[in-house]
């Protein structure tokens, strides 16, 4: 009998908010440890990625780090399942913002801000907080298989106040440009440390070539919107904040603005230059909280299949276009 993954996710989202927090967290930790002990392909890939982030660690130390990484990863899912049942006060207590002034000043001027994110911490919790406490959030979501799982994620993110544009539905980039230019003050966070569109950018990440999404830089350049690297990591809660949060875990959201590209940089190179700038800032956050980087996929060029990667690069070159002001776009 096959497992109905979509029904399983739906069951989790319906019932997790009613479960005691300690039970939910304990189940997540147990699931993480079981997955870690089994050391399947996802865990092995996580360890390979972490070894590049932390070359100072021995193999056994990387192995222990991957266990903390799996616990962080499963913590994200358990929190997501229960997030719809959290109050505004609980959400506020779970989030600590650093550098928020770099975003607020633009929002107060009526502008949208593009946020470049990695798969760090709990970005859904950050979005639920930001769309209410800072500005409306519009973002892009990867289509998942089976479709029922994607529909569950879509309903969940919409119920916490996010506007979601599914990747692959029409010209998503054009719609993002419209949102930024005409939608008034808002936040456009894009998970971009993995390329899903075959139009990515090669960057230096921890001294190795990696492929990330061009979207944040391209959108910032096409619209003139400020670009801010956003790093989300877990932190332990104590005292009054823990009491209000009703959980021992919260997140720290760090906003780090990226300087605009210098005028003397050729237009054809601007997306690459701006992408490398936000990646450097993200890398610093990953290095500081490596256990919270939920990267169980291949992103480093040396790990990709050479023939498939060559074909991807060829498609990228063929599909590259420019908009009216000459800025490269995906």
Protein backbone atom coordinates (compact mmCIF):
# COMPACT_ATOMS: atom_id res chain seq x y z
CA UNK A 1 0.00 0.00 0.00
CA UNK A 2 1.50 3.35 -1.08
CA UNK A 3 1.83 6.22 1.35
CA UNK A 4 -0.33 9.26 0.60
CA UNK A 5 2.25 11.97 1.35
CA UNK A 6 -0.19 14.80 0.68
CA UNK A 7 -2.72 13.38 3.13
CA UNK A 8 0.06 12.94 5.71
CA UNK A 9 1.09 16.58 5.43
CA UNK A 10 -2.53 17.69 5.62
CA UNK A 11 -3.04 15.58 8.75
CA UNK A 12 0.07 17.13 10.34
CA UNK A 13 -1.08 20.70 9.63
CA UNK A 14 -4.57 20.03 10.97
CA UNK A 15 -3.53 18.31 14.18
CA UNK A 16 -0.05 19.59 15.11
CA UNK A 17 -1.32 22.94 16.47
CA UNK A 18 -3.33 21.02 19.07
CA UNK A 19 -0.46 18.83 20.27
CA UNK A 20 1.57 19.73 23.36
CA UNK A 21 4.75 21.56 22.37
CA UNK A 22 7.13 19.17 24.19
CA UNK A 23 5.55 16.19 22.44
CA UNK A 24 5.89 17.79 19.01
CA UNK A 25 9.48 18.87 19.63
CA UNK A 26 10.37 15.44 21.00
CA UNK A 27 8.92 13.71 17.95
CA UNK A 28 10.89 16.03 15.66
CA UNK A 29 14.14 15.38 17.52
CA UNK A 30 13.52 11.63 17.43
CA UNK A 31 12.78 11.71 13.71
CA UNK A 32 15.93 13.73 13.10
CA UNK A 33 18.09 11.29 15.05
CA UNK A 34 16.62 8.30 13.23
CA UNK A 35 17.28 9.93 9.84
CA UNK A 36 20.79 10.86 10.97
CA UNK A 37 21.57 7.32 12.13
CA UNK A 38 20.29 5.84 8.87
CA UNK A 39 22.58 8.27 6.98
CA UNK A 40 20.60 8.34 3.78
CA UNK A 41 21.47 10.38 0.70
CA UNK A 42 20.14 13.64 2.16
CA UNK A 43 22.22 13.32 5.32
CA UNK A 44 25.33 12.39 3.31
CA UNK A 45 24.83 15.43 1.10
CA UNK A 46 24.34 17.65 4.14
CA UNK A 47 27.61 16.37 5.58
CA UNK A 48 29.45 16.99 2.32
CA UNK A 49 28.15 20.55 2.23
CA UNK A 50 29.01 21.13 5.90
CA UNK A 51 32.54 19.82 5.36
CA UNK A 52 33.06 22.63 2.85
CA UNK A 53 31.58 25.21 5.19
CA UNK A 54 33.74 24.04 8.09
CA UNK A 55 37.01 22.65 6.67
CA UNK A 56 38.54 23.04 10.14
CA UNK A 57 36.44 20.16 11.47
CA UNK A 58 37.39 16.50 11.47
CA UNK A 59 35.14 13.90 9.87
CA UNK A 60 33.69 12.91 13.26
CA UNK A 61 33.07 16.57 14.11
CA UNK A 62 31.26 17.09 10.80
CA UNK A 63 29.21 14.00 11.59
CA UNK A 64 28.16 15.49 14.94
CA UNK A 65 27.43 18.82 13.25
CA UNK A 66 25.15 17.05 10.77
CA UNK A 67 23.16 15.62 13.68
CA UNK A 68 22.58 19.14 14.99
CA UNK A 69 21.71 20.12 11.41
CA UNK A 70 19.08 17.40 11.09
CA UNK A 71 17.56 18.41 14.40
CA UNK A 72 17.39 22.01 13.19
CA UNK A 73 15.84 20.85 9.92
CA UNK A 74 13.14 18.72 11.57
CA UNK A 75 12.53 21.48 14.12
CA UNK A 76 11.62 23.73 11.19
CA UNK A 77 9.01 21.25 9.98
CA UNK A 78 7.48 20.69 13.42
CA UNK A 79 7.25 24.45 13.94
CA UNK A 80 5.72 24.95 10.51
CA UNK A 81 3.04 22.34 11.19
CA UNK A 82 2.06 24.15 14.41
CA UNK A 83 2.57 27.76 13.31
CA UNK A 84 -1.04 28.36 12.28
CA UNK A 85 -2.03 27.84 15.91
CA UNK A 86 0.42 30.41 17.31
CA UNK A 87 -0.83 33.79 18.52
CA UNK A 88 0.62 37.11 17.41
CA UNK A 89 2.20 37.51 20.85
CA UNK A 90 3.86 34.11 20.61
CA UNK A 91 5.19 34.84 17.13
CA UNK A 92 6.57 38.21 18.23
CA UNK A 93 8.33 36.60 21.20
CA UNK A 94 9.91 33.96 18.97
CA UNK A 95 11.53 36.51 16.63
CA UNK A 96 14.43 38.84 17.35
CA UNK A 97 15.43 41.22 14.56
CA UNK A 98 18.90 42.70 14.06
CA UNK A 99 19.44 45.51 11.58
CA UNK A 100 15.72 45.99 11.01
CA UNK A 101 16.30 49.71 10.50
CA UNK A 102 17.88 48.90 7.14
CA UNK A 103 14.48 47.65 5.98
CA UNK A 104 12.08 49.90 7.87
CA UNK A 105 13.49 53.14 6.46
CA UNK A 106 12.67 52.01 2.92
CA UNK A 107 9.24 50.69 3.88
CA UNK A 108 8.42 53.99 5.57
CA UNK A 109 9.33 55.73 2.31
CA UNK A 110 6.75 53.58 0.53
CA UNK A 111 9.27 51.29 -1.17
CA UNK A 112 9.52 47.53 -1.54
CA UNK A 113 12.67 45.76 -0.37
CA UNK A 114 14.15 42.63 -1.95
CA UNK A 115 15.51 40.14 0.60
CA UNK A 116 18.07 37.48 -0.40
CA UNK A 117 17.64 34.44 1.86
CA UNK A 118 19.25 31.06 2.27
CA UNK A 119 17.70 27.85 3.57
CA UNK A 120 18.52 28.85 7.14
CA UNK A 121 16.45 28.57 10.30
CA UNK A 122 12.69 29.02 9.99
CA UNK A 123 11.86 31.36 7.12
CA UNK A 124 8.12 30.72 7.45
CA UNK A 125 8.13 31.98 11.04
CA UNK A 126 10.11 35.02 9.88
CA UNK A 127 7.55 35.62 7.14
CA UNK A 128 4.58 35.32 9.49
CA UNK A 129 6.21 37.88 11.78
CA UNK A 130 7.35 40.26 9.03
CA UNK A 131 4.10 40.46 7.06
CA UNK A 132 2.34 41.75 10.19
CA UNK A 133 5.12 43.65 11.98
CA UNK A 134 7.02 45.16 9.02
CA UNK A 135 5.24 45.06 5.65
CA UNK A 136 3.22 42.69 3.41
CA UNK A 137 5.30 39.77 2.13
CA UNK A 138 5.25 38.41 -1.42
CA UNK A 139 7.48 35.48 -2.28
CA UNK A 140 8.00 32.59 -4.68
CA UNK A 141 7.51 28.92 -3.79
CA UNK A 142 9.02 25.91 -5.48
CA UNK A 143 6.46 23.44 -6.79
CA UNK A 144 6.75 20.19 -4.86
CA UNK A 145 5.79 16.65 -5.73
CA UNK A 146 3.26 15.24 -5.30
CA UNK A 147 1.04 18.25 -6.06
CA UNK A 148 -0.98 17.61 -2.92
CA UNK A 149 2.08 18.45 -0.80
CA UNK A 150 2.57 21.71 -2.66
CA UNK A 151 -1.09 22.61 -2.16
CA UNK A 152 -0.76 21.99 1.58
CA UNK A 153 2.33 24.22 1.77
CA UNK A 154 0.54 26.87 -0.29
CA UNK A 155 -2.50 26.89 2.00
CA UNK A 156 -0.27 27.01 5.05
CA UNK A 157 1.78 29.98 3.83
CA UNK A 158 -1.30 31.87 2.73
CA UNK A 159 -2.96 31.28 6.11
CA UNK A 160 -0.02 32.97 7.88
CA UNK A 161 -0.39 36.02 5.65
CA UNK A 162 2.08 35.44 2.82
CA UNK A 163 1.31 36.03 -0.84
CA UNK A 164 2.80 33.15 -2.83
CA UNK A 165 3.73 33.06 -6.52
CA UNK A 166 4.26 29.41 -7.58
CA UNK A 167 7.46 28.91 -9.54
CA UNK A 168 6.60 27.90 -13.08
CA UNK A 169 3.20 29.62 -13.27
CA UNK A 170 3.62 32.15 -16.07
CA UNK A 171 6.36 34.78 -15.95
CA UNK A 172 7.04 34.95 -12.22
CA UNK A 173 9.88 37.43 -12.64
CA UNK A 174 7.64 39.84 -14.54
CA UNK A 175 5.04 39.60 -11.78
CA UNK A 176 7.70 40.26 -9.13
CA UNK A 177 8.81 43.34 -11.03
CA UNK A 178 5.20 44.55 -11.09
CA UNK A 179 4.81 43.94 -7.35
CA UNK A 180 7.99 45.83 -6.52
CA UNK A 181 7.28 48.77 -8.83
CA UNK A 182 3.57 49.27 -8.17
CA UNK A 183 2.68 47.35 -5.03
CA UNK A 184 3.76 50.00 -2.54
CA UNK A 185 5.75 49.19 0.60
CA UNK A 186 6.45 45.50 1.00
CA UNK A 187 9.00 42.75 1.38
CA UNK A 188 10.00 40.31 -1.37
CA UNK A 189 12.08 37.55 0.24
CA UNK A 190 13.60 35.04 -2.17
CA UNK A 191 15.24 31.78 -1.11
CA UNK A 192 18.18 31.90 -3.45
CA UNK A 193 21.08 29.74 -2.24
CA UNK A 194 19.98 27.04 -4.70
CA UNK A 195 19.24 27.52 -8.40
CA UNK A 196 15.87 26.11 -9.49
CA UNK A 197 15.41 27.92 -12.79
CA UNK A 198 18.45 26.96 -14.92
CA UNK A 199 19.31 30.67 -15.11
CA UNK A 200 21.50 30.85 -12.04
CA UNK A 201 24.80 32.52 -11.33
CA UNK A 202 28.11 30.87 -10.49
CA UNK A 203 29.61 32.36 -7.34
CA UNK A 204 32.43 31.73 -4.95
CA UNK A 205 31.03 30.06 -1.83
CA UNK A 206 33.57 29.04 0.80
CA UNK A 207 36.31 29.03 -1.82
CA UNK A 208 34.43 26.77 -4.24
CA UNK A 209 32.20 27.42 -7.21
CA UNK A 210 28.50 27.11 -6.46
CA UNK A 211 25.35 27.87 -8.42
CA UNK A 212 22.73 30.14 -6.84
CA UNK A 213 19.63 31.94 -8.08
CA UNK A 214 19.96 35.18 -10.03
CA UNK A 215 16.54 36.41 -8.87
CA UNK A 216 17.36 38.75 -5.96
CA UNK A 217 20.08 40.65 -7.81
CA UNK A 218 18.16 40.73 -11.12
CA UNK A 219 15.00 41.98 -9.41
CA UNK A 220 16.88 44.67 -7.49
CA UNK A 221 18.64 45.89 -10.64
CA UNK A 222 15.47 45.79 -12.77
CA UNK A 223 13.42 47.82 -10.27
CA UNK A 224 15.93 49.88 -8.30
CA UNK A 225 14.68 48.29 -5.08
CA UNK A 226 17.24 47.94 -2.28
CA UNK A 227 18.71 44.47 -1.78
CA UNK A 228 19.18 43.17 1.77
CA UNK A 229 20.79 39.85 2.69
CA UNK A 230 18.71 38.16 5.39
CA UNK A 231 20.16 35.47 7.67
CA UNK A 232 17.77 33.48 9.89
CA UNK A 233 19.20 31.32 12.67
CA UNK A 234 17.83 29.54 15.72
CA UNK A 235 18.53 30.68 19.25
CA UNK A 236 17.61 29.38 22.70
CA UNK A 237 15.01 31.38 24.59
CA UNK A 238 15.08 32.10 28.30
CA UNK A 239 13.05 33.84 30.97
CA UNK A 240 10.12 36.06 30.05
CA UNK A 241 10.68 35.75 26.32
CA UNK A 242 10.50 31.95 26.54
CA UNK A 243 7.33 32.17 28.60
CA UNK A 244 5.64 34.42 26.05
CA UNK A 245 6.88 32.35 23.12
CA UNK A 246 5.64 29.07 24.65
CA UNK A 247 8.71 27.31 23.22
CA UNK A 248 12.42 27.02 24.09
CA UNK A 249 13.43 28.01 20.55
CA UNK A 250 13.23 31.30 18.70
CA UNK A 251 14.94 32.80 15.68
CA UNK A 252 17.23 35.75 15.07
CA UNK A 253 16.62 37.53 11.75
CA UNK A 254 19.64 39.59 10.69
CA UNK A 255 19.23 42.16 7.91
CA UNK A 256 22.46 43.13 6.14
CA UNK A 257 22.10 45.68 3.31
CA UNK A 258 24.03 45.15 0.08
CA UNK A 259 25.68 48.18 -1.44
CA UNK A 260 24.49 49.10 -4.96
CA UNK A 261 26.73 48.10 -7.84
CA UNK A 262 29.22 50.78 -8.83
CA UNK A 263 28.38 52.76 -11.97
CA UNK A 264 31.58 51.67 -13.71
CA UNK A 265 30.61 47.96 -13.61
CA UNK A 266 29.50 46.86 -17.12
CA UNK A 267 25.77 46.12 -17.31
CA UNK A 268 26.37 42.53 -18.39
CA UNK A 269 28.32 41.88 -15.19
CA UNK A 270 26.07 43.62 -12.66
CA UNK A 271 23.85 40.67 -11.76
CA UNK A 272 26.93 38.55 -11.08
CA UNK A 273 28.64 41.23 -9.01
CA UNK A 274 25.55 41.94 -6.91
CA UNK A 275 24.88 38.22 -6.45
CA UNK A 276 28.41 37.61 -5.18
CA UNK A 277 27.96 40.49 -2.73
CA UNK A 278 24.86 39.03 -1.06
CA UNK A 279 26.31 35.52 -1.16
CA UNK A 280 29.38 36.72 0.76
CA UNK A 281 27.13 38.07 3.50
CA UNK A 282 25.05 34.92 3.56
CA UNK A 283 28.19 32.78 3.77
CA UNK A 284 29.25 34.61 6.91
CA UNK A 285 25.90 33.72 8.50
CA UNK A 286 26.16 30.09 7.39
CA UNK A 287 29.67 29.79 8.83
CA UNK A 288 28.51 31.23 12.16
CA UNK A 289 25.46 28.92 12.45
CA UNK A 290 26.28 26.00 10.16
CA UNK A 291 23.84 23.66 11.92
CA UNK A 292 20.95 25.83 10.76
CA UNK A 293 21.79 25.61 7.05
CA UNK A 294 19.24 23.13 5.73
CA UNK A 295 21.03 22.29 2.50
CA UNK A 296 20.50 18.63 1.68
CA UNK A 297 20.92 19.16 -2.08
CA UNK A 298 23.82 19.64 -4.48
CA UNK A 299 24.79 23.27 -5.04
CA UNK A 300 28.57 23.12 -5.50
CA UNK A 301 29.54 22.83 -9.16
CA UNK A 302 32.02 20.00 -8.54
CA UNK A 303 29.15 17.83 -7.23
CA UNK A 304 26.96 18.29 -10.31
CA UNK A 305 26.84 15.89 -13.22
CA UNK A 306 29.25 17.44 -15.79
CA UNK A 307 27.13 16.69 -18.86
CA UNK A 308 23.89 17.90 -17.31
CA UNK A 309 25.61 21.00 -15.96
CA UNK A 310 27.07 21.80 -19.39
CA UNK A 311 23.58 21.49 -20.87
CA UNK A 312 22.21 23.77 -18.13
CA UNK A 313 24.83 26.41 -18.88
CA UNK A 314 24.01 26.19 -22.58
CA UNK A 315 20.31 26.71 -21.88
CA UNK A 316 21.15 29.65 -19.65
CA UNK A 317 23.10 31.30 -22.44
CA UNK A 318 20.26 30.73 -24.93
CA UNK A 319 17.54 32.04 -22.62
CA UNK A 320 19.43 35.08 -21.37
CA UNK A 321 17.48 38.21 -22.24
CA UNK A 322 17.59 41.86 -21.30
CA UNK A 323 14.77 44.12 -20.29
CA UNK A 324 14.33 47.61 -21.61
CA UNK A 325 17.00 49.23 -19.48
CA UNK A 326 19.51 46.54 -20.42
CA UNK A 327 19.55 44.77 -17.09
CA UNK A 328 20.01 41.01 -17.32
CA UNK A 329 17.01 39.05 -16.11
CA UNK A 330 16.37 35.35 -15.56
